[in-house]
C-alpha atoms as a PDB file:
ATOM      1  CA  MET A   1     -48.977  40.998 -31.282  1.00  0.00           C
ATOM      2  CA  THR A   2     -48.005  40.826 -34.825  1.00  0.00           C
ATOM      3  CA  GLN A   3     -48.974  37.478 -37.159  1.00  0.00           C
ATOM      4  CA  LYS A   4     -44.980  36.774 -37.200  1.00  0.00           C
ATOM      5  CA  ASP A   5     -45.148  37.022 -33.301  1.00  0.00           C
ATOM      6  CA  ILE A   6     -47.840  34.696 -32.990  1.00  0.00           C
ATOM      7  CA  THR A   7     -46.555  32.011 -35.068  1.00  0.00           C
ATOM      8  CA  PHE A   8     -42.747  32.312 -33.335  1.00  0.00           C
ATOM      9  CA  VAL A   9     -44.716  31.813 -30.012  1.00  0.00           C
ATOM     10  CA  ALA A  10     -47.069  28.812 -31.830  1.00  0.00           C
ATOM     11  CA  ASP A  11     -43.581  26.933 -33.237  1.00  0.00           C
ATOM     12  CA  PHE A  12     -42.151  27.175 -29.369  1.00  0.00           C
ATOM     13  CA  LEU A  13     -44.742  25.236 -28.303  1.00  0.00           C
ATOM     14  CA  THR A  14     -44.890  22.461 -31.195  1.00  0.00           C
ATOM     15  CA  GLU A  15     -41.476  22.033 -30.586  1.00  0.00           C
ATOM     16  CA  HIS A  16     -41.055  22.127 -27.146  1.00  0.00           C
ATOM     17  CA  PHE A  17     -44.264  20.963 -25.415  1.00  0.00           C
ATOM     18  CA  ASN A  18     -45.601  18.131 -27.690  1.00  0.00           C
ATOM     19  CA  GLU A  19     -47.180  15.223 -25.935  1.00  0.00           C
ATOM     20  CA  ALA A  20     -44.038  12.132 -25.151  1.00  0.00           C
ATOM     21  CA  PRO A  21     -45.569   9.004 -24.628  1.00  0.00           C
ATOM     22  CA  GLU A  22     -42.095   7.582 -23.515  1.00  0.00           C
ATOM     23  CA  LEU A  23     -42.135  10.085 -20.829  1.00  0.00           C
ATOM     24  CA  TYR A  24     -45.505   8.654 -19.284  1.00  0.00           C
ATOM     25  CA  ASN A  25     -43.560   6.785 -16.615  1.00  0.00           C
ATOM     26  CA  ARG A  26     -41.471   9.537 -15.069  1.00  0.00           C
ATOM     27  CA  LYS A  27     -43.567  11.267 -12.290  1.00  0.00           C
ATOM     28  CA  GLY A  28     -44.789  14.718 -13.821  1.00  0.00           C
ATOM     29  CA  LYS A  29     -42.685  14.999 -16.620  1.00  0.00           C
ATOM     30  CA  TYR A  30     -45.506  14.041 -19.634  1.00  0.00           C
ATOM     31  CA  PHE A  31     -43.785  17.021 -22.102  1.00  0.00           C
ATOM     32  CA  ASN A  32     -40.583  18.127 -23.021  1.00  0.00           C
ATOM     33  CA  VAL A  33     -39.605  20.852 -20.991  1.00  0.00           C
ATOM     34  CA  GLU A  34     -37.918  23.901 -22.466  1.00  0.00           C
ATOM     35  CA  ARG A  35     -34.050  23.272 -23.659  1.00  0.00           C
ATOM     36  CA  VAL A  36     -31.958  25.593 -22.094  1.00  0.00           C
ATOM     37  CA  GLY A  37     -34.206  26.004 -19.230  1.00  0.00           C
ATOM     38  CA  GLN A  38     -33.461  21.774 -18.472  1.00  0.00           C
ATOM     39  CA  TYR A  39     -29.627  22.708 -18.234  1.00  0.00           C
ATOM     40  CA  LEU A  40     -29.865  24.811 -15.059  1.00  0.00           C
ATOM     41  CA  LYS A  41     -32.264  23.217 -12.942  1.00  0.00           C
ATOM     42  CA  ASP A  42     -31.126  22.542  -9.761  1.00  0.00           C
ATOM     43  CA  GLU A  43     -31.288  18.863  -9.451  1.00  0.00           C
ATOM     44  CA  ASP A  44     -28.859  15.869 -10.424  1.00  0.00           C
ATOM     45  CA  ASP A  45     -31.645  13.679 -12.565  1.00  0.00           C
ATOM     46  CA  ASP A  46     -30.873  13.200 -16.346  1.00  0.00           C
ATOM     47  CA  LEU A  47     -31.674  15.646 -18.553  1.00  0.00           C
ATOM     48  CA  VAL A  48     -34.993  15.367 -20.323  1.00  0.00           C
ATOM     49  CA  SER A  49     -34.163  16.242 -23.600  1.00  0.00           C
ATOM     50  CA  PRO A  50     -30.258  15.428 -23.706  1.00  0.00           C
ATOM     51  CA  PRO A  51     -28.232  17.173 -26.989  1.00  0.00           C
ATOM     52  CA  ASN A  52     -27.452  15.620 -29.999  1.00  0.00           C
ATOM     53  CA  THR A  53     -23.605  15.281 -30.383  1.00  0.00           C
ATOM     54  CA  GLU A  54     -23.986  13.627 -33.463  1.00  0.00           C
ATOM     55  CA  GLY A  55     -21.868  15.397 -35.799  1.00  0.00           C
ATOM     56  CA  ASN A  56     -19.940  18.032 -33.205  1.00  0.00           C
ATOM     57  CA  GLN A  57     -16.372  18.244 -34.263  1.00  0.00           C
ATOM     58  CA  TRP A  58     -14.946  18.442 -30.903  1.00  0.00           C
ATOM     59  CA  PHE A  59     -16.443  15.051 -29.653  1.00  0.00           C
ATOM     60  CA  ASN A  60     -15.069  13.184 -32.985  1.00  0.00           C
ATOM     61  CA  PHE A  61     -11.604  14.836 -32.838  1.00  0.00           C
ATOM     62  CA  LEU A  62     -11.893  13.297 -29.377  1.00  0.00           C
ATOM     63  CA  LYS A  63     -13.181  10.171 -30.688  1.00  0.00           C
ATOM     64  CA  ASN A  64     -10.805   9.548 -33.694  1.00  0.00           C
ATOM     65  CA  SER A  65      -7.814  10.488 -30.852  1.00  0.00           C
ATOM     66  CA  THR A  66      -5.608   7.858 -29.433  1.00  0.00           C
ATOM     67  CA  HIS A  67      -3.572   9.881 -26.937  1.00  0.00           C
ATOM     68  CA  LEU A  68      -6.479  12.410 -25.959  1.00  0.00           C
ATOM     69  CA  LYS A  69      -9.542   9.417 -25.683  1.00  0.00           C
ATOM     70  CA  GLU A  70      -8.385   8.578 -21.850  1.00  0.00           C
ATOM     71  CA  SER A  71      -6.411  11.740 -20.870  1.00  0.00           C
ATOM     72  CA  PRO A  72      -7.128  12.253 -17.555  1.00  0.00           C
ATOM     73  CA  LEU A  73      -6.189  16.035 -18.392  1.00  0.00           C
ATOM     74  CA  LEU A  74      -9.957  16.974 -20.040  1.00  0.00           C
ATOM     75  CA  PHE A  75     -12.717  16.837 -17.915  1.00  0.00           C
ATOM     76  CA  PRO A  76     -15.054  14.272 -18.392  1.00  0.00           C
ATOM     77  CA  TYR A  77     -18.461  14.588 -20.496  1.00  0.00           C
ATOM     78  CA  TYR A  78     -21.989  13.800 -19.119  1.00  0.00           C
ATOM     79  CA  PRO A  79     -24.444  14.499 -22.068  1.00  0.00           C
ATOM     80  CA  GLU A  80     -26.919  13.071 -19.851  1.00  0.00           C
ATOM     81  CA  LYS A  81     -26.664  15.902 -16.829  1.00  0.00           C
ATOM     82  CA  SER A  82     -27.570  19.313 -16.229  1.00  0.00           C
ATOM     83  CA  LEU A  83     -24.808  22.405 -15.579  1.00  0.00           C
ATOM     84  CA  HIS A  84     -25.472  22.366 -12.010  1.00  0.00           C
ATOM     85  CA  PHE A  85     -24.223  18.580 -11.955  1.00  0.00           C
ATOM     86  CA  VAL A  86     -21.547  19.248 -13.829  1.00  0.00           C
ATOM     87  CA  LYS A  87     -20.250  22.327 -11.718  1.00  0.00           C
ATOM     88  CA  LYS A  88     -20.890  20.189  -8.628  1.00  0.00           C
ATOM     89  CA  GLN A  89     -18.804  17.506 -10.206  1.00  0.00           C
ATOM     90  CA  MET A  90     -15.905  20.550 -10.816  1.00  0.00           C
ATOM     91  CA  GLU A  91     -16.456  21.971  -7.799  1.00  0.00           C
ATOM     92  CA  GLY A  92     -15.413  18.737  -6.062  1.00  0.00           C
ATOM     93  CA  VAL A  93     -11.618  18.348  -8.119  1.00  0.00           C
ATOM     94  CA  ILE A  94     -11.159  21.746  -8.402  1.00  0.00           C
ATOM     95  CA  ASP A  95     -11.369  21.052  -3.908  1.00  0.00           C
ATOM     96  CA  GLN A  96      -9.213  17.997  -4.197  1.00  0.00           C
ATOM     97  CA  CYS A  97      -6.717  19.480  -6.313  1.00  0.00           C
ATOM     98  CA  LEU A  98      -6.103  22.235  -3.890  1.00  0.00           C
ATOM     99  CA  GLN A  99      -6.356  20.533  -0.735  1.00  0.00           C
ATOM    100  CA  LYS A 100      -2.861  18.892  -1.268  1.00  0.00           C
ATOM    101  CA  PRO A 101      -1.135  22.517  -2.021  1.00  0.00           C
ATOM    102  CA  ALA A 102      -3.131  23.823   1.521  1.00  0.00           C
ATOM    103  CA  ASP A 103      -1.412  21.599   3.705  1.00  0.00           C
ATOM    104  CA  VAL A 104       2.138  21.373   2.567  1.00  0.00           C
ATOM    105  CA  ILE A 105       2.191  24.816   2.168  1.00  0.00           C
ATOM    106  CA  GLY A 106       0.342  25.270   5.589  1.00  0.00           C
ATOM    107  CA  LYS A 107       2.808  22.884   7.971  1.00  0.00           C
ATOM    108  CA  SER A 108       5.791  24.739   6.111  1.00  0.00           C
ATOM    109  CA  VAL A 109       4.730  27.889   7.773  1.00  0.00           C
ATOM    110  CA  HIS A 110       6.479  28.692  11.273  1.00  0.00           C
ATOM    111  CA  GLN A 111       7.293  31.824  13.447  1.00  0.00           C
ATOM    112  CA  ALA A 112      10.389  33.135  12.056  1.00  0.00           C
ATOM    113  CA  PHE A 113      10.681  36.016  15.140  1.00  0.00           C
ATOM    114  CA  CYS A 114       8.109  38.443  17.315  1.00  0.00           C
ATOM    115  CA  MET A 115       8.339  42.030  18.053  1.00  0.00           C
ATOM    116  CA  SER A 116       6.561  43.782  20.151  1.00  0.00           C
ATOM    117  CA  LEU A 117       5.877  47.179  18.229  1.00  0.00           C
ATOM    118  CA  TYR A 118       3.117  48.809  20.820  1.00  0.00           C
ATOM    119  CA  LYS A 119       1.590  48.288  23.441  1.00  0.00           C
ATOM    120  CA  ILE A 120      -2.425  49.057  24.940  1.00  0.00           C
ATOM    121  CA  SER A 121      -3.894  49.256  28.049  1.00  0.00           C
ATOM    122  CA  GLN A 122      -5.728  45.187  28.905  1.00  0.00           C
ATOM    123  CA  SER A 123      -8.365  47.267  30.722  1.00  0.00           C
ATOM    124  CA  GLU A 124     -10.315  48.530  26.758  1.00  0.00           C
ATOM    125  CA  ASP A 125     -12.958  46.679  25.875  1.00  0.00           C
ATOM    126  CA  SER A 126     -11.693  47.296  22.292  1.00  0.00           C
ATOM    127  CA  ALA A 127      -8.097  47.586  21.254  1.00  0.00           C
ATOM    128  CA  PRO A 128      -7.974  50.410  19.033  1.00  0.00           C
ATOM    129  CA  GLN A 129      -6.480  50.253  15.280  1.00  0.00           C
ATOM    130  CA  LEU A 130      -3.148  51.330  15.836  1.00  0.00           C
ATOM    131  CA  PHE A 131      -1.210  49.485  12.841  1.00  0.00           C
ATOM    132  CA  LYS A 132      -2.071  51.024   9.717  1.00  0.00           C
ATOM    133  CA  LEU A 133      -0.518  51.033   5.991  1.00  0.00           C
ATOM    134  CA  PRO A 134       1.032  47.521   5.915  1.00  0.00           C
ATOM    135  CA  PHE A 135       2.926  47.349   2.590  1.00  0.00           C
ATOM    136  CA  LEU A 136       4.576  44.237   1.537  1.00  0.00           C
ATOM    137  CA  TRP A 137       8.002  44.442  -0.763  1.00  0.00           C
ATOM    138  CA  ASN A 138       9.719  41.228  -1.877  1.00  0.00           C
ATOM    139  CA  ASP A 139      13.427  42.981  -3.209  1.00  0.00           C
ATOM    140  CA  LYS A 140      14.991  39.637  -5.403  1.00  0.00           C
ATOM    141  CA  ALA A 141      18.019  40.768  -5.974  1.00  0.00           C
ATOM    142  CA  SER A 142      18.704  41.494  -2.365  1.00  0.00           C
ATOM    143  CA  ASN A 143      16.816  38.868  -0.715  1.00  0.00           C
ATOM    144  CA  ILE A 144      15.022  41.161   1.461  1.00  0.00           C
ATOM    145  CA  HIS A 145      11.264  41.376   2.766  1.00  0.00           C
ATOM    146  CA  TYR A 146      10.080  44.829   3.333  1.00  0.00           C
ATOM    147  CA  VAL A 147       7.388  46.223   5.339  1.00  0.00           C
ATOM    148  CA  LEU A 148       5.902  49.523   4.891  1.00  0.00           C
ATOM    149  CA  PHE A 149       3.499  50.481   7.978  1.00  0.00           C
ATOM    150  CA  THR A 150       2.512  53.338  10.593  1.00  0.00           C
ATOM    151  CA  ILE A 151       1.810  53.498  14.265  1.00  0.00           C
ATOM    152  CA  LEU A 152      -1.295  56.351  14.850  1.00  0.00           C
ATOM    153  CA  GLU A 153      -0.770  56.909  18.202  1.00  0.00           C
ATOM    154  CA  SER A 154       3.613  56.584  17.986  1.00  0.00           C
ATOM    155  CA  SER A 155       3.612  59.659  15.617  1.00  0.00           C
ATOM    156  CA  ILE A 156       1.655  60.626  12.739  1.00  0.00           C
ATOM    157  CA  SER A 157       4.833  62.104  11.282  1.00  0.00           C
ATOM    158  CA  LYS A 158       6.626  58.993  11.129  1.00  0.00           C
ATOM    159  CA  ILE A 159       6.523  56.009   8.678  1.00  0.00           C
ATOM    160  CA  TYR A 160       8.320  52.387   9.728  1.00  0.00           C
ATOM    161  CA  ILE A 161      10.330  50.057   7.632  1.00  0.00           C
ATOM    162  CA  LEU A 162      11.000  46.605   8.800  1.00  0.00           C
ATOM    163  CA  ARG A 163      13.299  44.652   6.941  1.00  0.00           C
ATOM    164  CA  ARG A 164      14.004  40.486   7.361  1.00  0.00           C
ATOM    165  CA  HIS A 165      15.892  38.058   4.970  1.00  0.00           C
ATOM    166  CA  THR A 166      14.242  35.722   2.717  1.00  0.00           C
ATOM    167  CA  ASP A 167      16.428  33.503   4.897  1.00  0.00           C
ATOM    168  CA  THR A 168      15.129  32.851   8.049  1.00  0.00           C
ATOM    169  CA  SER A 169      18.506  32.132   9.697  1.00  0.00           C
ATOM    170  CA  ARG A 170      20.404  35.590   8.427  1.00  0.00           C
ATOM    171  CA  SER A 171      19.557  38.861   9.666  1.00  0.00           C
ATOM    172  CA  VAL A 172      20.060  42.124   8.151  1.00  0.00           C
ATOM    173  CA  SER A 173      20.938  45.671  10.434  1.00  0.00           C
ATOM    174  CA  ASN A 174      18.946  48.132  10.918  1.00  0.00           C
ATOM    175  CA  GLY A 175      15.583  45.512  10.875  1.00  0.00           C
ATOM    176  CA  ILE A 176      13.445  48.102  11.748  1.00  0.00           C
ATOM    177  CA  LEU A 177      13.598  52.116  11.428  1.00  0.00           C
ATOM    178  CA  ALA A 178      11.425  54.957  11.645  1.00  0.00           C
ATOM    179  CA  VAL A 179      11.546  57.922   8.909  1.00  0.00           C
ATOM    180  CA  GLU A 180      10.196  60.969  10.444  1.00  0.00           C
ATOM    181  CA  PHE A 181       9.013  63.768   7.978  1.00  0.00           C
ATOM    182  CA  GLY A 182       7.953  66.414  10.257  1.00  0.00           C
ATOM    183  CA  ASN A 183       9.090  69.922   9.117  1.00  0.00           C
ATOM    184  CA  PHE A 184      12.151  68.502   6.768  1.00  0.00           C
ATOM    185  CA  LEU A 185      10.111  70.661   3.873  1.00  0.00           C
ATOM    186  CA  ASN A 186      10.505  73.868   5.247  1.00  0.00           C
ATOM    187  CA  ASN A 187      11.974  76.812   3.206  1.00  0.00           C
ATOM    188  CA  SER A 188      13.675  78.536   5.895  1.00  0.00           C
ATOM    189  CA  ILE A 189      14.546  78.318   9.008  1.00  0.00           C
ATOM    190  CA  ASN A 190      12.494  81.426  10.364  1.00  0.00           C
ATOM    191  CA  GLU A 191       8.870  78.950   9.298  1.00  0.00           C
ATOM    192  CA  SER A 192       7.728  77.956  12.840  1.00  0.00           C
ATOM    193  CA  SER A 193       7.934  74.162  12.922  1.00  0.00           C
ATOM    194  CA  ASP A 194       4.383  73.479  13.641  1.00  0.00           C
ATOM    195  CA  SER A 195       3.124  75.380  10.762  1.00  0.00           C
ATOM    196  CA  ARG A 196       4.867  72.970   8.203  1.00  0.00           C
ATOM    197  CA  CYS A 197       4.281  69.241   9.264  1.00  0.00           C
ATOM    198  CA  TYR A 198       3.787  66.578   7.709  1.00  0.00           C
ATOM    199  CA  SER A 199       2.118  63.126   8.560  1.00  0.00           C
ATOM    200  CA  CYS A 200       2.047  60.136   5.963  1.00  0.00           C
ATOM    201  CA  LEU A 201      -1.029  59.409   4.173  1.00  0.00           C
ATOM    202  CA  ASP A 202       0.057  56.510   2.001  1.00  0.00           C
ATOM    203  CA  ALA A 203       3.571  54.588   1.393  1.00  0.00           C
ATOM    204  CA  HIS A 204       4.539  52.136  -1.152  1.00  0.00           C
ATOM    205  CA  PHE A 205       7.846  50.594  -2.343  1.00  0.00           C
ATOM    206  CA  TYR A 206       8.276  52.267  -6.151  1.00  0.00           C
ATOM    207  CA  ASP A 207      11.279  50.030  -6.935  1.00  0.00           C
ATOM    208  CA  ASP A 208      13.999  47.850  -4.786  1.00  0.00           C
ATOM    209  CA  GLU A 209      15.530  51.706  -3.950  1.00  0.00           C
ATOM    210  CA  THR A 210      13.153  53.969  -3.844  1.00  0.00           C
ATOM    211  CA  VAL A 211       9.893  54.618  -1.914  1.00  0.00           C
ATOM    212  CA  THR A 212       6.606  56.614  -2.639  1.00  0.00           C
ATOM    213  CA  VAL A 213       5.091  58.335  -0.041  1.00  0.00           C
ATOM    214  CA  VAL A 214       1.872  60.186  -0.387  1.00  0.00           C
ATOM    215  CA  LEU A 215       2.530  63.375   2.408  1.00  0.00           C
ATOM    216  CA  LYS A 216      -0.514  65.543   4.365  1.00  0.00           C
ATOM    217  CA  GLU A 217      -0.292  69.103   5.835  1.00  0.00           C
ATOM    218  CA  SER A 218      -0.933  69.233   9.246  1.00  0.00           C
ATOM    219  CA  VAL A 219      -1.843  73.086   9.091  1.00  0.00           C
ATOM    220  CA  GLU A 220      -3.958  72.735   5.729  1.00  0.00           C
ATOM    221  CA  GLN A 221      -3.640  75.508   3.608  1.00  0.00           C
ATOM    222  CA  GLU A 222      -5.215  75.930  -0.202  1.00  0.00           C
ATOM    223  CA  GLY A 223      -3.157  74.245  -2.417  1.00  0.00           C
ATOM    224  CA  LYS A 224      -0.677  72.861  -0.406  1.00  0.00           C
ATOM    225  CA  GLU A 225      -2.356  70.053   1.598  1.00  0.00           C
ATOM    226  CA  ARG A 226      -1.135  67.471  -0.088  1.00  0.00           C
ATOM    227  CA  ILE A 227       2.747  66.853  -1.020  1.00  0.00           C
ATOM    228  CA  LEU A 228       4.024  63.276  -3.769  1.00  0.00           C
ATOM    229  CA  ALA A 229       7.465  62.653  -2.635  1.00  0.00           C
ATOM    230  CA  GLN A 230       9.699  59.406  -3.460  1.00  0.00           C
ATOM    231  CA  LEU A 231      12.528  58.378  -1.108  1.00  0.00           C
ATOM    232  CA  PRO A 232      16.077  56.589  -1.870  1.00  0.00           C
ATOM    233  CA  LEU A 233      16.398  53.746   0.424  1.00  0.00           C
ATOM    234  CA  SER A 234      19.528  54.342   1.393  1.00  0.00           C
END
């Protein structure tokens, strides 16, 4: 160690671990604790060495402000408490703020309709995951909700589009329909339908009028395994 290191450690011990007679009556607190660590203790006791806020511009500003001094928008300051205590106080306030909206939103949600998408055997212990790729889109201009998804056992070459009006009392034509890709990308009628069949790997709405899909060729060939296509919703 250099002399500078030794001096640094000695100064630290001198400043933070001097005897503190005023603390003798407190259990186990005969010395000043390190000033950073006291803020992180998992306890609600007062700080042994509270910070000196004299000359702090923010506190002086609040003290001299008639409107901000008692403002409910400012989180109260606890100069004698650790960050652990302040964290618990803040979590309690946040939970209280979120509870009312959660109750209101929860009570306003109800089932608009029920549609059976597929059936599975009830004898199976664990139901297979047949519903895949659910993607939601809201067309604000037409006030219509869309859901894109695939059903694995139904047909790997189909993508389903479910749409509902945001006003649950209204309905839209073709509430659910399926788009089958199959072999629509064949270059000629001579190509075998089995050799150029496509399934959907992923699908998202690009905008209100366009759907973007990632297609996979069933019979993989080098350089032709994936296709990115944009389809008009119409």
